[in-house]
C-alpha atoms as a PDB file:
ATOM      1  CA  MET A   1     -11.522-170.785 -54.391  1.00  0.00           C
ATOM      2  CA  PRO A   2     -13.101-168.172 -52.095  1.00  0.00           C
ATOM      3  CA  THR A   3     -10.938-165.181 -51.267  1.00  0.00           C
ATOM      4  CA  ILE A   4     -11.780-162.849 -48.412  1.00  0.00           C
ATOM      5  CA  ALA A   5     -10.595-159.352 -49.303  1.00  0.00           C
ATOM      6  CA  LYS A   6     -11.937-155.893 -48.552  1.00  0.00           C
ATOM      7  CA  ASP A   7     -11.594-154.722 -52.152  1.00  0.00           C
ATOM      8  CA  SER A   8     -13.167-157.849 -53.637  1.00  0.00           C
ATOM      9  CA  GLN A   9     -15.956-157.301 -56.137  1.00  0.00           C
ATOM     10  CA  VAL A  10     -17.666-160.651 -55.469  1.00  0.00           C
ATOM     11  CA  GLN A  11     -20.965-161.331 -53.700  1.00  0.00           C
ATOM     12  CA  THR A  12     -20.472-163.352 -50.524  1.00  0.00           C
ATOM     13  CA  VAL A  13     -23.255-165.609 -49.242  1.00  0.00           C
ATOM     14  CA  ILE A  14     -23.120-167.224 -45.810  1.00  0.00           C
ATOM     15  CA  THR A  15     -25.812-169.798 -45.084  1.00  0.00           C
ATOM     16  CA  THR A  16     -26.320-171.309 -41.650  1.00  0.00           C
ATOM     17  CA  TYR A  17     -28.177-174.562 -41.062  1.00  0.00           C
ATOM     18  CA  GLU A  18     -29.478-175.715 -37.679  1.00  0.00           C
ATOM     19  CA  MET A  19     -30.022-179.443 -37.229  1.00  0.00           C
ATOM     20  CA  THR A  20     -29.672-182.349 -34.812  1.00  0.00           C
ATOM     21  CA  PRO A  21     -26.569-184.548 -34.660  1.00  0.00           C
ATOM     22  CA  GLY A  22     -28.735-187.336 -36.089  1.00  0.00           C
ATOM     23  CA  THR A  23     -29.231-185.508 -39.394  1.00  0.00           C
ATOM     24  CA  ALA A  24     -25.895-183.679 -39.588  1.00  0.00           C
ATOM     25  CA  GLN A  25     -24.120-186.189 -41.832  1.00  0.00           C
ATOM     26  CA  ALA A  26     -27.105-186.590 -44.165  1.00  0.00           C
ATOM     27  CA  LEU A  27     -27.326-182.808 -44.545  1.00  0.00           C
ATOM     28  CA  MET A  28     -23.569-182.487 -45.102  1.00  0.00           C
ATOM     29  CA  ASP A  29     -23.778-185.201 -47.765  1.00  0.00           C
ATOM     30  CA  ALA A  30     -26.690-183.413 -49.473  1.00  0.00           C
ATOM     31  CA  LEU A  31     -24.847-180.078 -49.402  1.00  0.00           C
ATOM     32  CA  THR A  32     -21.626-181.636 -50.680  1.00  0.00           C
ATOM     33  CA  ASP A  33     -23.509-183.226 -53.562  1.00  0.00           C
ATOM     34  CA  ALA A  34     -25.327-179.968 -54.343  1.00  0.00           C
ATOM     35  CA  TYR A  35     -22.062-178.026 -54.583  1.00  0.00           C
ATOM     36  CA  ALA A  36     -20.179-180.738 -56.502  1.00  0.00           C
ATOM     37  CA  ALA A  37     -22.905-181.682 -58.972  1.00  0.00           C
ATOM     38  CA  PHE A  38     -24.822-178.450 -59.506  1.00  0.00           C
ATOM     39  CA  ILE A  39     -23.972-175.215 -57.684  1.00  0.00           C
ATOM     40  CA  SER A  40     -20.271-175.116 -58.594  1.00  0.00           C
ATOM     41  CA  LYS A  41     -21.171-175.459 -62.281  1.00  0.00           C
ATOM     42  CA  GLN A  42     -23.491-172.436 -62.369  1.00  0.00           C
ATOM     43  CA  PRO A  43     -22.580-169.166 -64.106  1.00  0.00           C
ATOM     44  CA  GLY A  44     -20.871-166.721 -61.780  1.00  0.00           C
ATOM     45  CA  PHE A  45     -19.818-169.271 -59.145  1.00  0.00           C
ATOM     46  CA  VAL A  46     -16.414-168.408 -57.657  1.00  0.00           C
ATOM     47  CA  GLY A  47     -15.943-170.862 -54.784  1.00  0.00           C
ATOM     48  CA  ALA A  48     -17.375-172.231 -51.557  1.00  0.00           C
ATOM     49  CA  GLY A  49     -16.607-173.974 -48.296  1.00  0.00           C
ATOM     50  CA  LEU A  50     -18.648-176.063 -45.860  1.00  0.00           C
ATOM     51  CA  HIS A  51     -18.103-175.958 -42.091  1.00  0.00           C
ATOM     52  CA  ILE A  52     -19.646-178.008 -39.249  1.00  0.00           C
ATOM     53  CA  ASN A  53     -19.430-177.389 -35.510  1.00  0.00           C
ATOM     54  CA  ASP A  54     -18.125-179.990 -33.040  1.00  0.00           C
ATOM     55  CA  ALA A  55     -21.604-180.740 -31.660  1.00  0.00           C
ATOM     56  CA  GLN A  56     -22.919-181.388 -35.187  1.00  0.00           C
ATOM     57  CA  THR A  57     -25.829-179.016 -34.615  1.00  0.00           C
ATOM     58  CA  ARG A  58     -24.817-176.309 -37.094  1.00  0.00           C
ATOM     59  CA  ILE A  59     -23.416-176.216 -40.600  1.00  0.00           C
ATOM     60  CA  ALA A  60     -22.270-173.039 -42.311  1.00  0.00           C
ATOM     61  CA  SER A  61     -21.608-172.650 -46.001  1.00  0.00           C
ATOM     62  CA  TYR A  62     -19.581-169.792 -47.397  1.00  0.00           C
ATOM     63  CA  SER A  63     -19.886-169.126 -51.101  1.00  0.00           C
ATOM     64  CA  GLN A  64     -18.835-166.374 -53.446  1.00  0.00           C
ATOM     65  CA  TRP A  65     -20.382-165.288 -56.710  1.00  0.00           C
ATOM     66  CA  GLN A  66     -19.255-162.872 -59.398  1.00  0.00           C
ATOM     67  CA  ARG A  67     -22.504-160.925 -59.050  1.00  0.00           C
ATOM     68  CA  ARG A  68     -25.496-160.875 -56.723  1.00  0.00           C
ATOM     69  CA  GLU A  69     -27.717-161.720 -59.719  1.00  0.00           C
ATOM     70  CA  ASP A  70     -25.759-164.940 -60.330  1.00  0.00           C
ATOM     71  CA  PHE A  71     -26.618-166.263 -56.872  1.00  0.00           C
ATOM     72  CA  LEU A  72     -30.258-165.180 -57.139  1.00  0.00           C
ATOM     73  CA  ALA A  73     -30.570-166.917 -60.521  1.00  0.00           C
ATOM     74  CA  VAL A  74     -29.386-170.207 -59.004  1.00  0.00           C
ATOM     75  CA  LEU A  75     -31.995-169.927 -56.235  1.00  0.00           C
ATOM     76  CA  ARG A  76     -34.735-169.639 -58.875  1.00  0.00           C
ATOM     77  CA  THR A  77     -33.813-172.842 -60.738  1.00  0.00           C
ATOM     78  CA  ASP A  78     -36.063-175.864 -60.387  1.00  0.00           C
ATOM     79  CA  GLU A  79     -33.127-178.014 -59.317  1.00  0.00           C
ATOM     80  CA  MET A  80     -32.118-175.652 -56.497  1.00  0.00           C
ATOM     81  CA  ARG A  81     -35.709-175.363 -55.307  1.00  0.00           C
ATOM     82  CA  GLU A  82     -35.876-179.163 -55.123  1.00  0.00           C
ATOM     83  CA  ARG A  83     -32.558-179.382 -53.290  1.00  0.00           C
ATOM     84  CA  ASN A  84     -33.605-176.641 -50.840  1.00  0.00           C
ATOM     85  CA  GLY A  85     -36.730-178.698 -50.106  1.00  0.00           C
ATOM     86  CA  LYS A  86     -34.520-181.645 -49.169  1.00  0.00           C
ATOM     87  CA  PHE A  87     -32.300-179.426 -47.025  1.00  0.00           C
ATOM     88  CA  SER A  88     -35.426-178.217 -45.201  1.00  0.00           C
ATOM     89  CA  GLU A  89     -36.374-181.809 -44.404  1.00  0.00           C
ATOM     90  CA  LEU A  90     -32.935-182.464 -42.891  1.00  0.00           C
ATOM     91  CA  CYS A  91     -32.661-179.386 -40.673  1.00  0.00           C
ATOM     92  CA  LYS A  92     -34.675-177.219 -38.319  1.00  0.00           C
ATOM     93  CA  SER A  93     -33.908-174.091 -40.319  1.00  0.00           C
ATOM     94  CA  PHE A  94     -31.498-172.549 -42.791  1.00  0.00           C
ATOM     95  CA  GLU A  95     -30.943-169.010 -43.965  1.00  0.00           C
ATOM     96  CA  PRO A  96     -28.756-167.714 -46.804  1.00  0.00           C
ATOM     97  CA  VAL A  97     -27.629-164.124 -46.257  1.00  0.00           C
ATOM     98  CA  MET A  98     -25.670-161.948 -48.704  1.00  0.00           C
ATOM     99  CA  TYR A  99     -22.735-160.023 -47.257  1.00  0.00           C
ATOM    100  CA  ASP A 100     -20.122-157.518 -48.402  1.00  0.00           C
ATOM    101  CA  VAL A 101     -16.604-157.869 -46.996  1.00  0.00           C
ATOM    102  CA  THR A 102     -15.848-154.712 -45.047  1.00  0.00           C
ATOM    103  CA  GLU A 103     -12.510-155.778 -43.516  1.00  0.00           C
ATOM    104  CA  ALA A 104     -10.129-158.723 -43.797  1.00  0.00           C
ATOM    105  CA  PHE A 105      -7.137-159.596 -41.611  1.00  0.00           C
ATOM    106  CA  GLY A 106      -4.285-162.012 -41.999  1.00  0.00           C
END
C-alpha cells in the first residue's frame, strides 16, 4: 500500500497517460493487468494506485518502490518493454517520472 510521508525512504513514480475516451477503458484494463500480473510481483515493489479523470482523457499511476534501482530494473525487463509497447498503442503519450516526497499533509 503506498504511503505518502516526508520521511519515507521509498522511490515514488508518477506516470501520466494521455488518451482519448475511446481507448481509456482498454488502457485501464492493460494497466490493471500489468500491475496485478507482473509489476506488483517484482522485487522492491511497495504499492500503487491508478486514477482516471472524469473526461477519460488522462490516467495517472502512482507507484512506490523500495529503491530507485528496483523500478529501473522492471523497466528493463522484456515483459515490461512489451507491455509499454501496448500502452503506447493505446495512448497519445505517457511519461513515468521519479519523485521524492518533500511534504505531506493530512
